[in-house]
């Protein structure tokens, strides 16, 4: 069993829960009251929860990789999840730097959690 993948998978599931609950309570509630067109509000809402689902599926994939299930190629699955997470994190950082740098300081917990997640998956790949 790969402990790094297991912890990363559980962390991804935890991040997914926090993403859904915090976002629903804070950002999406504010979005609902905004003057954006309903189609725009719905589009943002969908994108938000697509990321939540990506985190859930990534977490499940990492847990499967950790348990080395016979039907799962653990290395390929873990690398795929790592690329997916790094890609999403890079998009977040690039857009934040380009459009609204103060978002970076407000997102310190998110940045820390994703950095730890990436490190755990990378360590699991090495060890």
C-alpha atoms as a PDB file:
ATOM      1  CA  UNK A   1       0.000   0.000   0.000  1.00  0.00           C
ATOM      2  CA  UNK A   2       1.218   3.491  -0.840  1.00  0.00           C
ATOM      3  CA  UNK A   3       0.662   5.704   2.211  1.00  0.00           C
ATOM      4  CA  UNK A   4       1.403   8.909   0.321  1.00  0.00           C
ATOM      5  CA  UNK A   5      -1.332   8.185  -2.227  1.00  0.00           C
ATOM      6  CA  UNK A   6      -3.746   7.228   0.550  1.00  0.00           C
ATOM      7  CA  UNK A   7      -3.208  10.452   2.496  1.00  0.00           C
ATOM      8  CA  UNK A   8      -3.363  12.472  -0.740  1.00  0.00           C
ATOM      9  CA  UNK A   9      -6.630  10.750  -1.685  1.00  0.00           C
ATOM     10  CA  UNK A  10      -8.176  11.455   1.699  1.00  0.00           C
ATOM     11  CA  UNK A  11      -6.929  15.051   1.542  1.00  0.00           C
ATOM     12  CA  UNK A  12      -8.464  15.473  -1.905  1.00  0.00           C
ATOM     13  CA  UNK A  13     -11.806  14.241  -0.555  1.00  0.00           C
ATOM     14  CA  UNK A  14     -11.504  16.664   2.378  1.00  0.00           C
ATOM     15  CA  UNK A  15     -10.705  19.547   0.029  1.00  0.00           C
ATOM     16  CA  UNK A  16     -13.710  18.576  -2.118  1.00  0.00           C
ATOM     17  CA  UNK A  17     -16.009  18.733   0.898  1.00  0.00           C
ATOM     18  CA  UNK A  18     -14.596  22.060   2.004  1.00  0.00           C
ATOM     19  CA  UNK A  19     -14.804  23.390  -1.563  1.00  0.00           C
ATOM     20  CA  UNK A  20     -18.472  22.454  -1.873  1.00  0.00           C
ATOM     21  CA  UNK A  21     -19.566  23.620   1.583  1.00  0.00           C
ATOM     22  CA  UNK A  22     -17.497  26.808   1.827  1.00  0.00           C
ATOM     23  CA  UNK A  23     -18.271  27.777  -1.741  1.00  0.00           C
ATOM     24  CA  UNK A  24     -21.981  27.154  -1.325  1.00  0.00           C
ATOM     25  CA  UNK A  25     -22.092  29.160   1.883  1.00  0.00           C
ATOM     26  CA  UNK A  26     -19.847  32.043   0.842  1.00  0.00           C
ATOM     27  CA  UNK A  27     -19.206  32.551  -2.852  1.00  0.00           C
ATOM     28  CA  UNK A  28     -22.245  30.959  -4.422  1.00  0.00           C
ATOM     29  CA  UNK A  29     -24.650  32.619  -1.987  1.00  0.00           C
ATOM     30  CA  UNK A  30     -23.134  35.979  -2.950  1.00  0.00           C
ATOM     31  CA  UNK A  31     -23.355  35.023  -6.614  1.00  0.00           C
ATOM     32  CA  UNK A  32     -27.064  34.288  -6.252  1.00  0.00           C
ATOM     33  CA  UNK A  33     -27.665  37.861  -5.055  1.00  0.00           C
ATOM     34  CA  UNK A  34     -25.551  39.434  -7.811  1.00  0.00           C
ATOM     35  CA  UNK A  35     -26.929  41.216 -10.839  1.00  0.00           C
ATOM     36  CA  UNK A  36     -25.368  38.800 -13.316  1.00  0.00           C
ATOM     37  CA  UNK A  37     -27.660  37.185 -15.848  1.00  0.00           C
ATOM     38  CA  UNK A  38     -29.137  33.883 -14.686  1.00  0.00           C
ATOM     39  CA  UNK A  39     -27.285  31.986 -17.417  1.00  0.00           C
ATOM     40  CA  UNK A  40     -23.968  33.403 -16.147  1.00  0.00           C
ATOM     41  CA  UNK A  41     -24.836  32.541 -12.550  1.00  0.00           C
ATOM     42  CA  UNK A  42     -25.730  29.004 -13.532  1.00  0.00           C
ATOM     43  CA  UNK A  43     -22.536  28.647 -15.576  1.00  0.00           C
ATOM     44  CA  UNK A  44     -20.382  29.704 -12.633  1.00  0.00           C
ATOM     45  CA  UNK A  45     -22.335  27.417 -10.312  1.00  0.00           C
ATOM     46  CA  UNK A  46     -21.774  24.489 -12.667  1.00  0.00           C
ATOM     47  CA  UNK A  47     -18.035  25.199 -13.007  1.00  0.00           C
ATOM     48  CA  UNK A  48     -17.684  25.451  -9.227  1.00  0.00           C
ATOM     49  CA  UNK A  49     -19.204  22.059  -8.638  1.00  0.00           C
ATOM     50  CA  UNK A  50     -17.378  20.495 -11.584  1.00  0.00           C
ATOM     51  CA  UNK A  51     -14.184  21.288  -9.679  1.00  0.00           C
ATOM     52  CA  UNK A  52     -15.708  19.755  -6.557  1.00  0.00           C
ATOM     53  CA  UNK A  53     -16.448  16.569  -8.508  1.00  0.00           C
ATOM     54  CA  UNK A  54     -12.934  16.578  -9.994  1.00  0.00           C
ATOM     55  CA  UNK A  55     -11.536  16.606  -6.472  1.00  0.00           C
ATOM     56  CA  UNK A  56     -13.827  13.756  -5.386  1.00  0.00           C
ATOM     57  CA  UNK A  57     -12.922  11.587  -8.373  1.00  0.00           C
ATOM     58  CA  UNK A  58      -9.219  12.429  -7.951  1.00  0.00           C
ATOM     59  CA  UNK A  59      -9.431  11.434  -4.305  1.00  0.00           C
ATOM     60  CA  UNK A  60     -11.102   8.133  -5.155  1.00  0.00           C
ATOM     61  CA  UNK A  61      -8.493   7.493  -7.855  1.00  0.00           C
ATOM     62  CA  UNK A  62      -5.646   8.123  -5.445  1.00  0.00           C
ATOM     63  CA  UNK A  63      -7.222   5.850  -2.836  1.00  0.00           C
ATOM     64  CA  UNK A  64      -7.514   3.103  -5.477  1.00  0.00           C
ATOM     65  CA  UNK A  65      -3.884   3.708  -6.460  1.00  0.00           C
ATOM     66  CA  UNK A  66      -2.861   3.550  -2.789  1.00  0.00           C
ATOM     67  CA  UNK A  67      -4.556   0.193  -2.315  1.00  0.00           C
ATOM     68  CA  UNK A  68      -2.967  -1.085  -5.554  1.00  0.00           C
ATOM     69  CA  UNK A  69      -6.158  -2.760  -6.707  1.00  0.00           C
ATOM     70  CA  UNK A  70      -5.333  -5.424  -9.326  1.00  0.00           C
ATOM     71  CA  UNK A  71      -7.504  -3.788 -11.982  1.00  0.00           C
ATOM     72  CA  UNK A  72      -5.815  -0.400 -11.540  1.00  0.00           C
ATOM     73  CA  UNK A  73      -2.471   0.676 -12.962  1.00  0.00           C
ATOM     74  CA  UNK A  74      -1.497   2.687  -9.875  1.00  0.00           C
ATOM     75  CA  UNK A  75       1.359   4.631 -11.441  1.00  0.00           C
ATOM     76  CA  UNK A  76      -0.601   5.746 -14.496  1.00  0.00           C
ATOM     77  CA  UNK A  77      -3.614   6.697 -12.386  1.00  0.00           C
ATOM     78  CA  UNK A  78      -1.524   8.659  -9.867  1.00  0.00           C
ATOM     79  CA  UNK A  79       0.367  10.526 -12.597  1.00  0.00           C
ATOM     80  CA  UNK A  80      -2.908  11.354 -14.332  1.00  0.00           C
ATOM     81  CA  UNK A  81      -4.366  12.736 -11.087  1.00  0.00           C
ATOM     82  CA  UNK A  82      -1.144  14.650 -10.435  1.00  0.00           C
ATOM     83  CA  UNK A  83      -1.270  16.267 -13.890  1.00  0.00           C
ATOM     84  CA  UNK A  84      -4.935  17.126 -13.391  1.00  0.00           C
ATOM     85  CA  UNK A  85      -4.322  18.717  -9.987  1.00  0.00           C
ATOM     86  CA  UNK A  86      -1.201  20.596 -11.090  1.00  0.00           C
ATOM     87  CA  UNK A  87      -3.033  21.847 -14.182  1.00  0.00           C
ATOM     88  CA  UNK A  88      -5.998  23.145 -12.197  1.00  0.00           C
ATOM     89  CA  UNK A  89      -3.699  24.707  -9.615  1.00  0.00           C
ATOM     90  CA  UNK A  90      -1.628  26.372 -12.353  1.00  0.00           C
ATOM     91  CA  UNK A  91      -4.772  27.851 -13.927  1.00  0.00           C
ATOM     92  CA  UNK A  92      -5.854  29.204 -10.542  1.00  0.00           C
ATOM     93  CA  UNK A  93      -2.432  30.762  -9.875  1.00  0.00           C
ATOM     94  CA  UNK A  94      -2.015  32.200 -13.384  1.00  0.00           C
ATOM     95  CA  UNK A  95      -5.429  33.844 -13.469  1.00  0.00           C
ATOM     96  CA  UNK A  96      -5.069  35.126  -9.902  1.00  0.00           C
ATOM     97  CA  UNK A  97      -1.693  36.696 -10.668  1.00  0.00           C
ATOM     98  CA  UNK A  98      -2.898  38.171 -13.950  1.00  0.00           C
ATOM     99  CA  UNK A  99      -6.309  39.438 -12.858  1.00  0.00           C
ATOM    100  CA  UNK A 100      -6.528  39.816  -9.086  1.00  0.00           C
ATOM    101  CA  UNK A 101      -3.375  39.338  -7.034  1.00  0.00           C
ATOM    102  CA  UNK A 102      -5.130  40.013  -3.722  1.00  0.00           C
ATOM    103  CA  UNK A 103      -6.963  36.735  -4.284  1.00  0.00           C
ATOM    104  CA  UNK A 104      -3.681  34.946  -3.578  1.00  0.00           C
ATOM    105  CA  UNK A 105      -3.510  36.183   0.019  1.00  0.00           C
ATOM    106  CA  UNK A 106      -7.205  35.393   0.546  1.00  0.00           C
ATOM    107  CA  UNK A 107      -6.586  31.907  -0.817  1.00  0.00           C
ATOM    108  CA  UNK A 108      -3.613  30.999   1.363  1.00  0.00           C
ATOM    109  CA  UNK A 109      -5.345  27.928   2.887  1.00  0.00           C
ATOM    110  CA  UNK A 110      -6.295  26.687  -0.590  1.00  0.00           C
ATOM    111  CA  UNK A 111      -2.769  27.243  -1.887  1.00  0.00           C
ATOM    112  CA  UNK A 112      -1.311  25.386   1.107  1.00  0.00           C
ATOM    113  CA  UNK A 113      -3.714  22.434   0.757  1.00  0.00           C
ATOM    114  CA  UNK A 114      -3.094  22.034  -2.972  1.00  0.00           C
ATOM    115  CA  UNK A 115       0.679  22.345  -2.467  1.00  0.00           C
ATOM    116  CA  UNK A 116       0.553  19.574   0.167  1.00  0.00           C
ATOM    117  CA  UNK A 117      -1.642  17.450  -2.103  1.00  0.00           C
ATOM    118  CA  UNK A 118       0.769  17.832  -5.010  1.00  0.00           C
ATOM    119  CA  UNK A 119       3.745  17.035  -2.772  1.00  0.00           C
ATOM    120  CA  UNK A 120       2.077  13.898  -1.387  1.00  0.00           C
ATOM    121  CA  UNK A 121       1.267  12.541  -4.838  1.00  0.00           C
ATOM    122  CA  UNK A 122       4.785  13.328  -6.073  1.00  0.00           C
ATOM    123  CA  UNK A 123       6.308  11.598  -3.020  1.00  0.00           C
ATOM    124  CA  UNK A 124       4.033   8.622  -3.548  1.00  0.00           C
ATOM    125  CA  UNK A 125       5.303   8.359  -7.087  1.00  0.00           C
ATOM    126  CA  UNK A 126       8.929   8.385  -5.926  1.00  0.00           C
ATOM    127  CA  UNK A 127       8.622   6.059  -2.937  1.00  0.00           C
END
